[in-house]
Structure formats: structure tokens, C-alpha cells
C-alpha atoms as a PDB file:
ATOM      1  CA  MET A   1      95.860  72.850 137.028  1.00  0.00           C
ATOM      2  CA  LYS A   2      98.310  75.545 137.987  1.00  0.00           C
ATOM      3  CA  LYS A   3      99.363  75.935 134.334  1.00  0.00           C
ATOM      4  CA  LEU A   4      95.748  76.234 133.270  1.00  0.00           C
ATOM      5  CA  LEU A   5      95.137  79.006 135.801  1.00  0.00           C
ATOM      6  CA  VAL A   6      98.251  80.876 134.569  1.00  0.00           C
ATOM      7  CA  ILE A   7      96.995  80.590 130.961  1.00  0.00           C
ATOM      8  CA  LEU A   8      93.555  81.827 131.922  1.00  0.00           C
ATOM      9  CA  LEU A   9      95.112  84.728 133.805  1.00  0.00           C
ATOM     10  CA  ILE A  10      97.216  85.683 130.774  1.00  0.00           C
ATOM     11  CA  VAL A  11      94.163  85.508 128.552  1.00  0.00           C
ATOM     12  CA  LEU A  12      92.163  87.683 130.939  1.00  0.00           C
ATOM     13  CA  ILE A  13      94.955  90.241 131.097  1.00  0.00           C
ATOM     14  CA  ALA A  14      95.259  90.262 127.306  1.00  0.00           C
ATOM     15  CA  VAL A  15      91.494  90.671 126.868  1.00  0.00           C
ATOM     16  CA  SER A  16      91.391  93.426 129.501  1.00  0.00           C
ATOM     17  CA  GLY A  17      94.241  95.218 127.788  1.00  0.00           C
ATOM     18  CA  LEU A  18      92.487  94.934 124.424  1.00  0.00           C
ATOM     19  CA  LEU A  19      89.251  96.265 125.886  1.00  0.00           C
ATOM     20  CA  PHE A  20      91.016  99.215 127.491  1.00  0.00           C
ATOM     21  CA  PHE A  21      92.829  99.901 124.197  1.00  0.00           C
ATOM     22  CA  LEU A  22      89.531  99.829 122.281  1.00  0.00           C
ATOM     23  CA  LYS A  23      87.793 101.991 124.858  1.00  0.00           C
ATOM     24  CA  ASP A  24      90.529 104.645 124.714  1.00  0.00           C
ATOM     25  CA  ASN A  25      90.987 104.535 120.926  1.00  0.00           C
ATOM     26  CA  LEU A  26      87.611 103.466 119.524  1.00  0.00           C
ATOM     27  CA  ASP A  27      86.514 106.992 118.564  1.00  0.00           C
ATOM     28  CA  GLU A  28      89.653 107.590 116.496  1.00  0.00           C
ATOM     29  CA  ILE A  29      89.541 104.099 114.980  1.00  0.00           C
ATOM     30  CA  VAL A  30      85.971 104.614 113.808  1.00  0.00           C
ATOM     31  CA  ARG A  31      86.792 108.108 112.485  1.00  0.00           C
ATOM     32  CA  GLU A  32      89.732 106.760 110.477  1.00  0.00           C
ATOM     33  CA  ILE A  33      87.609 103.917 109.062  1.00  0.00           C
ATOM     34  CA  ILE A  34      84.887 106.281 107.888  1.00  0.00           C
ATOM     35  CA  VAL A  35      87.273 108.785 106.305  1.00  0.00           C
ATOM     36  CA  THR A  36      89.435 106.127 104.612  1.00  0.00           C
ATOM     37  CA  SER A  37      86.575 103.977 103.343  1.00  0.00           C
ATOM     38  CA  VAL A  38      84.529 106.811 101.916  1.00  0.00           C
ATOM     39  CA  SER A  39      87.540 108.688 100.495  1.00  0.00           C
ATOM     40  CA  ASP A  40      88.733 105.549  98.670  1.00  0.00           C
ATOM     41  CA  ALA A  41      85.229 104.656  97.410  1.00  0.00           C
ATOM     42  CA  THR A  42      84.389 108.146  96.124  1.00  0.00           C
ATOM     43  CA  GLN A  43      87.938 109.124  95.045  1.00  0.00           C
ATOM     44  CA  THR A  44      87.509 112.444  96.853  1.00  0.00           C
ATOM     45  CA  ASN A  45      88.750 114.297  99.900  1.00  0.00           C
ATOM     46  CA  VAL A  46      86.612 113.477 102.924  1.00  0.00           C
ATOM     47  CA  SER A  47      87.047 115.091 106.321  1.00  0.00           C
ATOM     48  CA  LEU A  48      85.494 114.213 109.685  1.00  0.00           C
ATOM     49  CA  ALA A  49      86.678 116.220 112.653  1.00  0.00           C
ATOM     50  CA  GLN A  50      85.542 113.954 115.432  1.00  0.00           C
ATOM     51  CA  VAL A  51      83.670 110.781 116.441  1.00  0.00           C
ATOM     52  CA  LYS A  52      82.389 110.540 120.007  1.00  0.00           C
ATOM     53  CA  LEU A  53      80.864 107.243 121.161  1.00  0.00           C
ATOM     54  CA  ASN A  54      79.322 106.517 124.530  1.00  0.00           C
ATOM     55  CA  LEU A  55      78.790 102.764 124.497  1.00  0.00           C
ATOM     56  CA  LYS A  56      77.453 102.753 128.038  1.00  0.00           C
ATOM     57  CA  GLU A  57      74.592 105.040 126.969  1.00  0.00           C
ATOM     58  CA  GLY A  58      74.395 103.572 123.442  1.00  0.00           C
ATOM     59  CA  VAL A  59      74.771 106.960 121.747  1.00  0.00           C
ATOM     60  CA  GLY A  60      77.308 108.749 119.561  1.00  0.00           C
ATOM     61  CA  VAL A  61      77.920 111.760 117.361  1.00  0.00           C
ATOM     62  CA  LEU A  62      79.883 112.482 114.191  1.00  0.00           C
ATOM     63  CA  ASN A  63      81.105 116.105 114.162  1.00  0.00           C
ATOM     64  CA  ASN A  64      81.870 118.297 111.147  1.00  0.00           C
ATOM     65  CA  TYR A  65      81.730 115.905 108.193  1.00  0.00           C
ATOM     66  CA  GLN A  66      82.542 117.226 104.727  1.00  0.00           C
ATOM     67  CA  GLN A  67      82.206 115.265 101.487  1.00  0.00           C
ATOM     68  CA  GLY A  68      84.513 116.566  98.795  1.00  0.00           C
ATOM     69  CA  ASN A  69      83.693 116.837  95.092  1.00  0.00           C
ATOM     70  CA  PRO A  70      84.879 114.483  92.342  1.00  0.00           C
ATOM     71  CA  GLU A  71      87.534 115.645  89.922  1.00  0.00           C
ATOM     72  CA  GLY A  72      86.320 118.265  87.443  1.00  0.00           C
ATOM     73  CA  PHE A  73      84.033 120.121  89.834  1.00  0.00           C
ATOM     74  CA  GLN A  74      84.869 123.554  91.148  1.00  0.00           C
ATOM     75  CA  THR A  75      82.820 124.080  94.313  1.00  0.00           C
ATOM     76  CA  LYS A  76      84.430 123.374  97.691  1.00  0.00           C
ATOM     77  CA  TYR A  77      82.277 120.369  98.629  1.00  0.00           C
ATOM     78  CA  ALA A  78      79.229 118.287  97.700  1.00  0.00           C
ATOM     79  CA  PHE A  79      77.691 118.289 101.162  1.00  0.00           C
ATOM     80  CA  ARG A  80      78.540 118.803 104.818  1.00  0.00           C
ATOM     81  CA  PHE A  81      76.947 118.714 108.234  1.00  0.00           C
ATOM     82  CA  ASP A  82      77.950 119.911 111.679  1.00  0.00           C
ATOM     83  CA  GLN A  83      76.644 116.901 113.562  1.00  0.00           C
ATOM     84  CA  ALA A  84      75.019 113.483 113.058  1.00  0.00           C
ATOM     85  CA  GLU A  85      73.421 111.874 116.139  1.00  0.00           C
ATOM     86  CA  LEU A  86      73.558 108.091 116.552  1.00  0.00           C
ATOM     87  CA  ASP A  87      71.599 105.630 118.702  1.00  0.00           C
ATOM     88  CA  ILE A  88      73.480 102.315 118.832  1.00  0.00           C
ATOM     89  CA  ASP A  89      72.388  98.806 119.766  1.00  0.00           C
ATOM     90  CA  VAL A  90      75.249  98.200 122.179  1.00  0.00           C
ATOM     91  CA  GLY A  91      74.547  94.458 122.286  1.00  0.00           C
ATOM     92  CA  THR A  92      75.665  94.166 118.636  1.00  0.00           C
ATOM     93  CA  ILE A  93      79.000  96.023 119.013  1.00  0.00           C
ATOM     94  CA  LEU A  94      81.038  92.799 119.068  1.00  0.00           C
ATOM     95  CA  ASP A  95      78.917  91.071 116.389  1.00  0.00           C
ATOM     96  CA  ASP A  96      79.801  90.809 112.710  1.00  0.00           C
ATOM     97  CA  VAL A  97      76.899  93.185 111.935  1.00  0.00           C
ATOM     98  CA  VAL A  98      76.445  96.265 114.116  1.00  0.00           C
ATOM     99  CA  ILE A  99      72.947  97.646 114.379  1.00  0.00           C
ATOM    100  CA  ILE A 100      72.438 101.443 114.583  1.00  0.00           C
ATOM    101  CA  GLU A 101      68.915 102.145 115.688  1.00  0.00           C
ATOM    102  CA  ARG A 102      68.846 105.786 114.513  1.00  0.00           C
ATOM    103  CA  VAL A 103      70.880 108.350 112.576  1.00  0.00           C
ATOM    104  CA  PHE A 104      69.642 111.933 112.748  1.00  0.00           C
ATOM    105  CA  ILE A 105      71.096 114.887 110.801  1.00  0.00           C
ATOM    106  CA  ASN A 106      69.693 118.413 111.072  1.00  0.00           C
ATOM    107  CA  HIS A 107      70.666 121.422 108.896  1.00  0.00           C
ATOM    108  CA  ALA A 108      73.089 119.831 106.419  1.00  0.00           C
ATOM    109  CA  ASP A 109      74.356 121.916 103.498  1.00  0.00           C
ATOM    110  CA  ILE A 110      74.456 120.633  99.910  1.00  0.00           C
ATOM    111  CA  VAL A 111      76.154 122.228  96.902  1.00  0.00           C
ATOM    112  CA  TYR A 112      74.574 120.671  93.802  1.00  0.00           C
ATOM    113  CA  GLU A 113      76.937 121.489  90.932  1.00  0.00           C
ATOM    114  CA  PHE A 114      76.269 121.128  87.213  1.00  0.00           C
ATOM    115  CA  ASN A 115      79.409 121.164  85.136  1.00  0.00           C
ATOM    116  CA  ASP A 116      80.255 119.829  81.642  1.00  0.00           C
ATOM    117  CA  GLY A 117      76.884 118.146  81.287  1.00  0.00           C
ATOM    118  CA  LYS A 118      76.950 116.203  84.574  1.00  0.00           C
ATOM    119  CA  THR A 119      76.346 116.720  88.308  1.00  0.00           C
ATOM    120  CA  ASN A 120      78.683 116.111  91.225  1.00  0.00           C
ATOM    121  CA  PHE A 121      76.268 113.686  92.874  1.00  0.00           C
ATOM    122  CA  VAL A 122      76.001 111.474  89.767  1.00  0.00           C
ATOM    123  CA  GLU A 123      79.795 111.369  89.527  1.00  0.00           C
ATOM    124  CA  LEU A 124      80.181 110.496  93.213  1.00  0.00           C
ATOM    125  CA  LYS A 125      77.899 107.475  92.679  1.00  0.00           C
ATOM    126  CA  LYS A 126      79.811 106.474  89.539  1.00  0.00           C
ATOM    127  CA  ASN A 127      83.090 106.548  91.483  1.00  0.00           C
ATOM    128  CA  ILE A 128      81.624 104.237  94.129  1.00  0.00           C
ATOM    129  CA  ASP A 129      80.393 101.855  91.414  1.00  0.00           C
ATOM    130  CA  LYS A 130      83.824 101.847  89.768  1.00  0.00           C
ATOM    131  CA  ASN A 131      85.478 101.119  93.108  1.00  0.00           C
ATOM    132  CA  THR A 132      83.063  98.219  93.774  1.00  0.00           C
ATOM    133  CA  LYS A 133      83.685  96.675  90.340  1.00  0.00           C
ATOM    134  CA  LYS A 134      87.446  97.081  90.781  1.00  0.00           C
ATOM    135  CA  LYS A 135      87.393  95.245  94.115  1.00  0.00           C
ATOM    136  CA  SER A 136      85.285  92.480  92.559  1.00  0.00           C
ATOM    137  CA  SER A 137      87.599  92.207  89.543  1.00  0.00           C
ATOM    138  CA  ASP A 138      90.696  92.067  91.762  1.00  0.00           C
ATOM    139  CA  GLN A 139      89.235  89.251  93.777  1.00  0.00           C
ATOM    140  CA  LYS A 140      88.451  87.216  90.646  1.00  0.00           C
ATOM    141  CA  ASN A 141      91.799  87.768  88.928  1.00  0.00           C
ATOM    142  CA  ASN A 142      94.116  87.360  91.913  1.00  0.00           C
ATOM    143  CA  PRO A 143      95.458  83.938  93.060  1.00  0.00           C
ATOM    144  CA  VAL A 144      93.789  82.420  96.121  1.00  0.00           C
ATOM    145  CA  GLU A 145      96.730  83.282  98.401  1.00  0.00           C
ATOM    146  CA  VAL A 146      96.606  86.960  97.306  1.00  0.00           C
ATOM    147  CA  GLN A 147      92.852  87.014  97.678  1.00  0.00           C
ATOM    148  CA  GLU A 148      93.106  85.753 101.257  1.00  0.00           C
ATOM    149  CA  LYS A 149      95.816  88.287 102.102  1.00  0.00           C
ATOM    150  CA  THR A 150      93.823  91.114 100.508  1.00  0.00           C
ATOM    151  CA  ALA A 151      90.666  90.040 102.251  1.00  0.00           C
ATOM    152  CA  SER A 152      92.403  90.003 105.648  1.00  0.00           C
ATOM    153  CA  GLN A 153      93.911  93.456 105.010  1.00  0.00           C
ATOM    154  CA  SER A 154      90.538  94.775 103.846  1.00  0.00           C
ATOM    155  CA  LYS A 155      88.816  93.330 106.885  1.00  0.00           C
ATOM    156  CA  ALA A 156      91.338  95.000 109.159  1.00  0.00           C
ATOM    157  CA  GLN A 157      90.955  98.360 107.450  1.00  0.00           C
ATOM    158  CA  GLN A 158      87.200  98.478 106.933  1.00  0.00           C
ATOM    159  CA  SER A 159      84.364  98.867 109.360  1.00  0.00           C
ATOM    160  CA  LYS A 160      82.084  96.030 110.296  1.00  0.00           C
ATOM    161  CA  LYS A 161      78.893  95.708 108.338  1.00  0.00           C
ATOM    162  CA  ILE A 162      76.126  97.954 109.567  1.00  0.00           C
ATOM    163  CA  ILE A 163      72.341  97.930 109.570  1.00  0.00           C
ATOM    164  CA  ILE A 164      70.623 101.281 110.171  1.00  0.00           C
ATOM    165  CA  ARG A 165      67.042 100.948 111.371  1.00  0.00           C
ATOM    166  CA  SER A 166      66.145 104.628 110.894  1.00  0.00           C
ATOM    167  CA  PHE A 167      67.869 107.387 108.960  1.00  0.00           C
ATOM    168  CA  GLU A 168      66.512 110.940 109.059  1.00  0.00           C
ATOM    169  CA  MET A 169      67.931 114.076 107.412  1.00  0.00           C
ATOM    170  CA  ILE A 170      65.922 117.268 107.868  1.00  0.00           C
ATOM    171  CA  ASN A 171      66.107 120.991 107.087  1.00  0.00           C
ATOM    172  CA  THR A 172      68.752 120.506 104.404  1.00  0.00           C
ATOM    173  CA  GLU A 173      69.727 123.644 102.484  1.00  0.00           C
ATOM    174  CA  VAL A 174      70.710 123.259  98.819  1.00  0.00           C
ATOM    175  CA  GLU A 175      72.611 125.651  96.603  1.00  0.00           C
ATOM    176  CA  ALA A 176      72.423 124.678  92.942  1.00  0.00           C
ATOM    177  CA  VAL A 177      75.286 126.205  90.925  1.00  0.00           C
ATOM    178  CA  MET A 178      76.756 126.267  87.415  1.00  0.00           C
ATOM    179  CA  PRO A 179      80.357 127.557  87.559  1.00  0.00           C
ATOM    180  CA  PHE A 180      80.280 128.671  83.944  1.00  0.00           C
ATOM    181  CA  ALA A 181      77.384 130.994  84.844  1.00  0.00           C
ATOM    182  CA  SER A 182      78.026 132.312  88.324  1.00  0.00           C
ATOM    183  CA  SER A 183      74.983 134.546  88.113  1.00  0.00           C
ATOM    184  CA  GLN A 184      72.684 131.557  87.766  1.00  0.00           C
ATOM    185  CA  THR A 185      72.297 130.010  91.231  1.00  0.00           C
ATOM    186  CA  LEU A 186      69.272 128.620  92.995  1.00  0.00           C
ATOM    187  CA  SER A 187      68.720 128.140  96.725  1.00  0.00           C
ATOM    188  CA  VAL A 188      66.118 125.593  97.843  1.00  0.00           C
ATOM    189  CA  GLN A 189      65.371 123.377 100.794  1.00  0.00           C
ATOM    190  CA  LEU A 190      65.539 119.640 100.216  1.00  0.00           C
ATOM    191  CA  PRO A 191      62.510 117.586 101.318  1.00  0.00           C
ATOM    192  CA  ASN A 192      63.176 115.683 104.552  1.00  0.00           C
ATOM    193  CA  ILE A 193      64.734 112.242 103.882  1.00  0.00           C
ATOM    194  CA  LYS A 194      63.551 109.296 105.933  1.00  0.00           C
ATOM    195  CA  LEU A 195      64.900 105.773 105.266  1.00  0.00           C
ATOM    196  CA  SER A 196      64.241 102.546 107.162  1.00  0.00           C
ATOM    197  CA  ASN A 197      66.145  99.280 107.644  1.00  0.00           C
ATOM    198  CA  ILE A 198      69.122 100.249 105.458  1.00  0.00           C
ATOM    199  CA  GLY A 199      71.236  97.131 104.857  1.00  0.00           C
ATOM    200  CA  ALA A 200      68.799  94.736 106.533  1.00  0.00           C
ATOM    201  CA  LYS A 201      68.151  92.795 103.334  1.00  0.00           C
ATOM    202  CA  GLU A 202      71.888  92.477 102.646  1.00  0.00           C
ATOM    203  CA  ASN A 203      72.641  91.529 106.267  1.00  0.00           C
ATOM    204  CA  GLY A 204      74.629  94.741 106.674  1.00  0.00           C
ATOM    205  CA  LEU A 205      76.539  97.200 104.514  1.00  0.00           C
ATOM    206  CA  LEU A 206      80.051  98.622 104.717  1.00  0.00           C
ATOM    207  CA  ALA A 207      80.691 102.371 105.072  1.00  0.00           C
ATOM    208  CA  ASP A 208      81.161 103.001 101.329  1.00  0.00           C
ATOM    209  CA  GLU A 209      78.012 101.013 100.502  1.00  0.00           C
ATOM    210  CA  LEU A 210      76.015 103.040 103.042  1.00  0.00           C
ATOM    211  CA  MET A 211      77.318 106.218 101.398  1.00  0.00           C
ATOM    212  CA  LYS A 212      75.933 105.018  98.022  1.00  0.00           C
ATOM    213  CA  VAL A 213      72.512 104.558  99.626  1.00  0.00           C
ATOM    214  CA  PHE A 214      72.560 108.079 101.117  1.00  0.00           C
ATOM    215  CA  LEU A 215      73.750 109.605  97.836  1.00  0.00           C
ATOM    216  CA  ASP A 216      70.973 107.828  95.929  1.00  0.00           C
ATOM    217  CA  ALA A 217      68.364 109.203  98.284  1.00  0.00           C
ATOM    218  CA  MET A 218      69.753 112.774  98.142  1.00  0.00           C
ATOM    219  CA  GLU A 219      70.194 112.763  94.363  1.00  0.00           C
ATOM    220  CA  LYS A 220      66.587 111.647  93.714  1.00  0.00           C
ATOM    221  CA  ASP A 221      65.262 114.588  95.694  1.00  0.00           C
ATOM    222  CA  LEU A 222      67.832 116.972  94.173  1.00  0.00           C
ATOM    223  CA  LYS A 223      66.679 116.080  90.674  1.00  0.00           C
ATOM    224  CA  ARG A 224      63.110 116.865  91.685  1.00  0.00           C
ATOM    225  CA  ALA A 225      63.970 120.115  93.444  1.00  0.00           C
ATOM    226  CA  VAL A 226      66.445 121.516  90.872  1.00  0.00           C
ATOM    227  CA  ASN A 227      66.031 121.595  87.111  1.00  0.00           C
ATOM    228  CA  PHE A 228      69.346 122.608  85.581  1.00  0.00           C
ATOM    229  CA  LYS A 229      67.739 122.625  82.089  1.00  0.00           C
ATOM    230  CA  ASN A 230      65.461 125.442  83.220  1.00  0.00           C
ATOM    231  CA  LEU A 231      68.429 127.289  84.753  1.00  0.00           C
ATOM    232  CA  VAL A 232      70.295 127.037  81.436  1.00  0.00           C
ATOM    233  CA  ASN A 233      67.183 128.296  79.580  1.00  0.00           C
ATOM    234  CA  ASP A 234      66.918 131.231  82.001  1.00  0.00           C
ATOM    235  CA  LEU A 235      70.582 131.954  81.415  1.00  0.00           C
ATOM    236  CA  GLU A 236      70.069 131.972  77.638  1.00  0.00           C
ATOM    237  CA  LYS A 237      67.107 134.400  78.052  1.00  0.00           C
ATOM    238  CA  ASP A 238      69.178 136.659  80.295  1.00  0.00           C
ATOM    239  CA  LEU A 239      72.031 136.662  77.792  1.00  0.00           C
ATOM    240  CA  LYS A 240      69.633 137.415  74.922  1.00  0.00           C
ATOM    241  CA  LYS A 241      68.165 140.334  76.872  1.00  0.00           C
ATOM    242  CA  GLN A 242      71.637 141.626  77.647  1.00  0.00           C
ATOM    243  CA  ILE A 243      72.694 141.317  74.021  1.00  0.00           C
ATOM    244  CA  ASP A 244      69.498 143.111  72.889  1.00  0.00           C
ATOM    245  CA  ARG A 245      70.169 145.935  75.392  1.00  0.00           C
ATOM    246  CA  GLU A 246      73.755 146.318  74.220  1.00  0.00           C
ATOM    247  CA  ALA A 247      72.620 146.237  70.559  1.00  0.00           C
ATOM    248  CA  ASP A 248      70.027 148.959  71.232  1.00  0.00           C
ATOM    249  CA  LYS A 249      72.679 151.113  72.900  1.00  0.00           C
ATOM    250  CA  ALA A 250      75.017 150.643  69.912  1.00  0.00           C
ATOM    251  CA  ILE A 251      72.268 151.500  67.396  1.00  0.00           C
ATOM    252  CA  LYS A 252      71.300 154.629  69.307  1.00  0.00           C
ATOM    253  CA  LYS A 253      74.928 155.714  69.490  1.00  0.00           C
ATOM    254  CA  ILE A 254      75.375 155.191  65.733  1.00  0.00           C
ATOM    255  CA  GLU A 255      72.118 157.079  65.010  1.00  0.00           C
ATOM    256  CA  SER A 256      73.309 159.902  67.249  1.00  0.00           C
ATOM    257  CA  GLU A 257      76.665 160.099  65.467  1.00  0.00           C
ATOM    258  CA  LEU A 258      74.960 159.999  62.076  1.00  0.00           C
ATOM    259  CA  GLY A 259      72.655 162.777  63.208  1.00  0.00           C
ATOM    260  CA  GLU A 260      75.690 164.889  64.172  1.00  0.00           C
ATOM    261  CA  ILE A 261      77.208 164.271  60.686  1.00  0.00           C
ATOM    262  CA  GLU A 262      73.998 165.409  58.989  1.00  0.00           C
ATOM    263  CA  ASN A 263      73.983 168.548  61.162  1.00  0.00           C
ATOM    264  CA  ILE A 264      77.591 169.305  60.118  1.00  0.00           C
ATOM    265  CA  LYS A 265      76.649 168.918  56.445  1.00  0.00           C
ATOM    266  CA  GLU A 266      73.758 171.386  56.867  1.00  0.00           C
ATOM    267  CA  LEU A 267      76.015 173.908  58.599  1.00  0.00           C
ATOM    268  CA  LYS A 268      78.550 173.592  55.807  1.00  0.00           C
ATOM    269  CA  LYS A 269      75.846 174.310  53.166  1.00  0.00           C
ATOM    270  CA  LEU A 270      74.844 177.470  55.077  1.00  0.00           C
ATOM    271  CA  LYS A 271      78.497 178.599  55.244  1.00  0.00           C
ATOM    272  CA  ASP A 272      78.917 178.148  51.467  1.00  0.00           C
ATOM    273  CA  LEU A 273      76.009 180.553  50.901  1.00  0.00           C
ATOM    274  CA  PHE A 274      78.199 183.374  52.326  1.00  0.00           C
END
């Protein structure tokens, strides 16, 4: 009986120590998971300044998130926001699937770049798809022992699966740009995005999978709001007008010079008369 009490005491101390560790380090652990998972999935630089969670109140915030661009794009980032507000179902924190009741983002900034016949948002989604296929292929081709080791490492590094009951992104400013034509830019406001029960059907999604859902939603509205074909046509018209203006100037200059030559010829004829 005495031994059993000692064992129980050790277990309680260990659990208490783990809880204190998680309490003191949870914000940084979650921040690292988000940055690492999304960076790996999108093959881009992702930055997140701070995560602040208050599990007692069931709320949290993500501060200063910036999603970098895929290779081949010149603008500084694809999108960024100063703050995302979270409402968390605290009762699910220790479950395999964590439920976030609400995510709210106000005044995000998007740079929608068209370069070499493609957009940065399409390429971000392609990178996530490639990463997903690679993980699936690795699991099929590796021996069982390696699969188990990789799975355990992945589980340790990744976030738990998440279900988001409500996602809302409002007042989002978009700058559509074509680096090869810096004069052709367009500023618009993206329609408000509202999504419900993200990941519910799949019994939860990982951080990179959630990012794919958000990118899909943003890109659909971006395609409706910005027509790069029209921007290119406008650019061609502007170039044609500029070329026509320069051609007119050149023609007038030549005509002026020719006129001066004719005047010189007439003066010479008059001089020969004397």
C-alpha cells in the first residue's frame, strides 16, 4: 500500500510538472507548430510574432502573421494580418481533435501577384498539394519501422487536428500587381469571407490542411475581384498610346527639320540671284 501511494505521488508530481511546463510554454509551442507546419507545407517563409492563449477564459490571439511568397514571385508577401482572435472550446484541449469555436480576422492585407503566367496564390496551393503527396508517397514506400518512426516524429512536431466552427475575415485590402508592369496595379477590397465547420467532415484538419482551405476561399474571391487579363489589355493599350505619342513627336520633328532644309534651299536660290 505504501509503495502504491509513493507511485501515485510520483505520478501526480510528474503530471503537475508537465501541466506547469505546458502552461508556461504553450504559447511558444503553438507558435512554433504553426510556423513550422505552414512553412514546410507551402515551401515559403512564414512569420508569426506571438501567440497568446488564455485557456481559463477560452480565448487567444495570433499577432503579426505574414505568409511569404513562393519562389519566383517578387513582392514581399502574399498576405498578412496584425491580429486573429480565437474562441476556444477549452474542454477539447486535451482531446485528439481541438475545437475552435471562432476565428476572426479584421483588416488583413493581400498582395495578389501575377508573374510568368501564374499567381502567387495558385502556386501556394500547388506547394501544399505537392507536400501532401510527398508525405503520402513516403509513407507507402518506407518500411513499416520507418513509417512508425516518421509518424511518431510527425505527431510530435505537428499540431493536433482542429475543427473550426466559424471563420470570418473582413475588411481585407487587396493590391493586385504585375512586377513586369509596375504602373499597372489595382487596389480593391475583398468580399468578407465566412466559413463554417471547417474540418468537421474530416474529423479535424492539421495546420497545413487548414491553410489550404483558407487559401482556396481567398483565391476564389480574388479571381472574381481581379481580372489580370483586363490589366494586361489595359497595359497594351497604354503602351500603344505611348508609342503613338512618341511616333507623332518623331514625325513632327522630322517634318520640322525637313521644313528647315527647304527654307535653306530657298535662301540659297535667292543668294544665287545676286
